[in-house]
Amino acid sequence: MAKSFPHSYEVCNCKHVTLGEIIYAIKEKDAKTLEELGKITDAGTACKCCQDASCDIGEEKLELYLTQILKKFEK
């Protein structure tokens, strides 16, 4: 995750969940797993392409995945 993304960057296109919402769920709501992120934000609960590169079935791969974001905030 070398590239810097604004908080308004839409990570989950299906549910229109932004990076800022995901960071809030991790920092303030203590989400630590994909399941917890999904419960709090709905991210990754539809087609699941945003969860991880291995789940991405789109022709154009996403630039940022939920697993990358979670890993960045692991303690």
N, C-alpha and C. Protein backbone atom coordinates (compact mmCIF):
# COMPACT_ATOMS: atom_id res chain seq x y z
N MET A 1 0.85 -1.17 0.00
CA MET A 1 0.00 0.00 0.00
C MET A 1 0.90 1.24 0.00
N ALA A 2 1.77 1.33 -0.96
CA ALA A 2 2.70 2.44 -1.02
C ALA A 2 2.03 3.74 -1.45
N LYS A 3 1.01 3.61 -2.27
CA LYS A 3 0.31 4.79 -2.76
C LYS A 3 -0.58 5.37 -1.65
N SER A 4 -0.67 6.69 -1.61
CA SER A 4 -1.50 7.35 -0.61
C SER A 4 -2.91 7.55 -1.18
N PHE A 5 -3.92 7.12 -0.44
CA PHE A 5 -5.30 7.24 -0.87
C PHE A 5 -6.05 8.22 0.02
N PRO A 6 -6.91 9.06 -0.55
CA PRO A 6 -7.72 9.97 0.28
C PRO A 6 -8.80 9.17 1.02
N HIS A 7 -9.27 9.71 2.12
CA HIS A 7 -10.32 9.03 2.88
C HIS A 7 -11.60 8.88 2.07
N SER A 8 -11.76 9.68 1.03
CA SER A 8 -12.95 9.60 0.19
C SER A 8 -12.84 8.51 -0.88
N TYR A 9 -11.69 7.83 -0.97
CA TYR A 9 -11.49 6.77 -1.96
C TYR A 9 -12.48 5.63 -1.68
N GLU A 10 -13.24 5.23 -2.69
CA GLU A 10 -14.24 4.17 -2.55
C GLU A 10 -13.57 2.81 -2.70
N VAL A 11 -13.46 2.10 -1.60
CA VAL A 11 -12.83 0.78 -1.59
C VAL A 11 -13.83 -0.28 -2.06
N CYS A 12 -15.05 -0.22 -1.56
CA CYS A 12 -16.10 -1.17 -1.94
C CYS A 12 -17.08 -0.46 -2.86
N ASN A 13 -16.99 -0.77 -4.14
CA ASN A 13 -17.85 -0.12 -5.13
C ASN A 13 -19.30 -0.57 -5.03
N CYS A 14 -19.54 -1.82 -4.68
CA CYS A 14 -20.92 -2.33 -4.60
C CYS A 14 -21.73 -1.62 -3.52
N LYS A 15 -21.12 -1.42 -2.37
CA LYS A 15 -21.81 -0.82 -1.23
C LYS A 15 -21.41 0.64 -1.01
N HIS A 16 -20.53 1.17 -1.87
CA HIS A 16 -20.08 2.56 -1.81
C HIS A 16 -19.47 2.92 -0.45
N VAL A 17 -18.56 2.08 0.01
CA VAL A 17 -17.89 2.28 1.29
C VAL A 17 -16.52 2.88 1.04
N THR A 18 -16.23 3.98 1.73
CA THR A 18 -14.97 4.69 1.53
C THR A 18 -13.88 4.20 2.48
N LEU A 19 -12.67 4.56 2.15
CA LEU A 19 -11.52 4.25 2.99
C LEU A 19 -11.71 4.87 4.38
N GLY A 20 -12.23 6.08 4.42
CA GLY A 20 -12.46 6.75 5.71
C GLY A 20 -13.41 5.96 6.59
N GLU A 21 -14.46 5.41 6.02
CA GLU A 21 -15.42 4.61 6.78
C GLU A 21 -14.76 3.32 7.30
N ILE A 22 -13.90 2.75 6.48
CA ILE A 22 -13.21 1.52 6.88
C ILE A 22 -12.22 1.81 8.00
N ILE A 23 -11.47 2.88 7.87
CA ILE A 23 -10.52 3.27 8.92
C ILE A 23 -11.26 3.55 10.23
N TYR A 24 -12.39 4.23 10.15
CA TYR A 24 -13.21 4.50 11.33
C TYR A 24 -13.64 3.19 11.99
N ALA A 25 -14.08 2.23 11.19
CA ALA A 25 -14.52 0.94 11.73
C ALA A 25 -13.37 0.21 12.43
N ILE A 26 -12.17 0.34 11.88
CA ILE A 26 -11.00 -0.32 12.48
C ILE A 26 -10.57 0.40 13.75
N LYS A 27 -10.41 1.71 13.67
CA LYS A 27 -9.88 2.48 14.80
C LYS A 27 -10.90 2.69 15.92
N GLU A 28 -12.11 3.04 15.57
CA GLU A 28 -13.12 3.41 16.57
C GLU A 28 -14.04 2.27 16.98
N LYS A 29 -14.32 1.35 16.07
CA LYS A 29 -15.24 0.24 16.35
C LYS A 29 -14.51 -1.08 16.55
N ASP A 30 -13.17 -1.04 16.47
CA ASP A 30 -12.31 -2.19 16.76
C ASP A 30 -12.50 -3.37 15.82
N ALA A 31 -12.83 -3.12 14.56
CA ALA A 31 -12.95 -4.19 13.57
C ALA A 31 -11.56 -4.77 13.27
N LYS A 32 -11.46 -6.08 13.34
CA LYS A 32 -10.17 -6.73 13.11
C LYS A 32 -10.21 -7.77 11.99
N THR A 33 -11.41 -8.10 11.50
CA THR A 33 -11.56 -9.13 10.47
C THR A 33 -12.45 -8.61 9.34
N LEU A 34 -12.43 -9.33 8.23
CA LEU A 34 -13.30 -8.99 7.11
C LEU A 34 -14.77 -9.07 7.53
N GLU A 35 -15.08 -10.07 8.35
CA GLU A 35 -16.46 -10.24 8.80
C GLU A 35 -16.91 -9.05 9.64
N GLU A 36 -16.06 -8.59 10.55
CA GLU A 36 -16.39 -7.44 11.40
C GLU A 36 -16.53 -6.17 10.56
N LEU A 37 -15.64 -6.00 9.59
CA LEU A 37 -15.76 -4.84 8.70
C LEU A 37 -17.08 -4.87 7.94
N GLY A 38 -17.46 -6.05 7.48
CA GLY A 38 -18.71 -6.22 6.75
C GLY A 38 -19.92 -5.89 7.61
N LYS A 39 -19.91 -6.33 8.86
CA LYS A 39 -21.02 -6.06 9.77
C LYS A 39 -21.15 -4.56 10.07
N ILE A 40 -20.03 -3.88 10.22
CA ILE A 40 -20.05 -2.47 10.58
C ILE A 40 -20.30 -1.57 9.38
N THR A 41 -19.68 -1.89 8.23
CA THR A 41 -19.72 -0.96 7.08
C THR A 41 -20.45 -1.52 5.86
N ASP A 42 -20.71 -2.79 5.80
CA ASP A 42 -21.24 -3.50 4.63
C ASP A 42 -20.19 -3.75 3.56
N ALA A 43 -18.99 -3.27 3.73
CA ALA A 43 -17.92 -3.46 2.74
C ALA A 43 -17.62 -4.95 2.59
N GLY A 44 -17.48 -5.39 1.35
CA GLY A 44 -17.12 -6.76 1.06
C GLY A 44 -18.23 -7.77 1.24
N THR A 45 -19.47 -7.30 1.33
CA THR A 45 -20.58 -8.23 1.57
C THR A 45 -21.38 -8.56 0.31
N ALA A 46 -21.10 -7.92 -0.79
CA ALA A 46 -21.84 -8.20 -2.04
C ALA A 46 -21.02 -9.13 -2.92
N CYS A 47 -20.28 -8.59 -3.87
CA CYS A 47 -19.53 -9.45 -4.80
C CYS A 47 -18.21 -9.94 -4.21
N LYS A 48 -17.73 -9.30 -3.16
CA LYS A 48 -16.51 -9.67 -2.43
C LYS A 48 -15.20 -9.36 -3.18
N CYS A 49 -15.27 -8.68 -4.31
CA CYS A 49 -14.06 -8.35 -5.07
C CYS A 49 -13.10 -7.46 -4.28
N CYS A 50 -13.63 -6.65 -3.38
CA CYS A 50 -12.79 -5.71 -2.64
C CYS A 50 -12.08 -6.36 -1.45
N GLN A 51 -12.41 -7.60 -1.15
CA GLN A 51 -11.80 -8.25 0.01
C GLN A 51 -10.31 -8.52 -0.19
N ASP A 52 -9.95 -9.07 -1.32
CA ASP A 52 -8.56 -9.48 -1.56
C ASP A 52 -8.36 -9.65 -3.06
N ALA A 53 -7.14 -9.51 -3.52
CA ALA A 53 -6.84 -9.65 -4.94
C ALA A 53 -7.26 -11.02 -5.48
N SER A 54 -7.19 -12.04 -4.63
CA SER A 54 -7.56 -13.39 -5.08
C SER A 54 -9.07 -13.52 -5.29
N CYS A 55 -9.85 -12.61 -4.69
CA CYS A 55 -11.31 -12.63 -4.84
C CYS A 55 -11.78 -11.75 -5.98
N ASP A 56 -10.89 -10.90 -6.48
CA ASP A 56 -11.26 -9.90 -7.49
C ASP A 56 -11.46 -10.56 -8.85
N ILE A 57 -12.69 -10.53 -9.33
CA ILE A 57 -13.01 -11.17 -10.60
C ILE A 57 -13.15 -10.16 -11.74
N GLY A 58 -12.96 -8.87 -11.42
CA GLY A 58 -13.10 -7.84 -12.43
C GLY A 58 -11.96 -7.84 -13.42
N GLU A 59 -12.20 -7.26 -14.59
CA GLU A 59 -11.14 -7.17 -15.60
C GLU A 59 -10.03 -6.23 -15.12
N GLU A 60 -10.43 -5.10 -14.54
CA GLU A 60 -9.45 -4.17 -13.96
C GLU A 60 -9.35 -4.45 -12.48
N LYS A 61 -8.17 -4.76 -12.02
CA LYS A 61 -7.97 -5.06 -10.60
C LYS A 61 -8.04 -3.76 -9.80
N LEU A 62 -8.54 -3.89 -8.58
CA LEU A 62 -8.62 -2.74 -7.68
C LEU A 62 -7.22 -2.34 -7.22
N GLU A 63 -7.10 -1.12 -6.75
CA GLU A 63 -5.80 -0.64 -6.26
C GLU A 63 -5.61 -0.89 -4.77
N LEU A 64 -6.72 -1.12 -4.06
CA LEU A 64 -6.67 -1.26 -2.61
C LEU A 64 -7.73 -2.26 -2.16
N TYR A 65 -7.32 -3.19 -1.31
CA TYR A 65 -8.22 -4.24 -0.84
C TYR A 65 -8.38 -4.17 0.68
N LEU A 66 -9.50 -4.70 1.16
CA LEU A 66 -9.78 -4.68 2.59
C LEU A 66 -8.70 -5.39 3.39
N THR A 67 -8.19 -6.51 2.88
CA THR A 67 -7.15 -7.25 3.61
C THR A 67 -5.88 -6.41 3.76
N GLN A 68 -5.56 -5.61 2.76
CA GLN A 68 -4.39 -4.73 2.84
C GLN A 68 -4.59 -3.68 3.93
N ILE A 69 -5.79 -3.13 3.99
CA ILE A 69 -6.09 -2.09 4.99
C ILE A 69 -6.03 -2.70 6.39
N LEU A 70 -6.64 -3.86 6.58
CA LEU A 70 -6.60 -4.52 7.89
C LEU A 70 -5.18 -4.80 8.31
N LYS A 71 -4.36 -5.29 7.38
CA LYS A 71 -2.96 -5.61 7.69
C LYS A 71 -2.19 -4.37 8.13
N LYS A 72 -2.48 -3.24 7.50
CA LYS A 72 -1.81 -1.98 7.84
C LYS A 72 -2.08 -1.58 9.30
N PHE A 73 -3.27 -1.92 9.80
CA PHE A 73 -3.64 -1.51 11.16
C PHE A 73 -3.48 -2.61 12.20
N GLU A 74 -2.90 -3.76 11.82
CA GLU A 74 -2.66 -4.83 12.79
C GLU A 74 -1.68 -4.35 13.84
N LYS A 75 -1.93 -4.79 15.07
CA LYS A 75 -1.02 -4.40 16.18
C LYS A 75 -0.26 -5.58 16.67
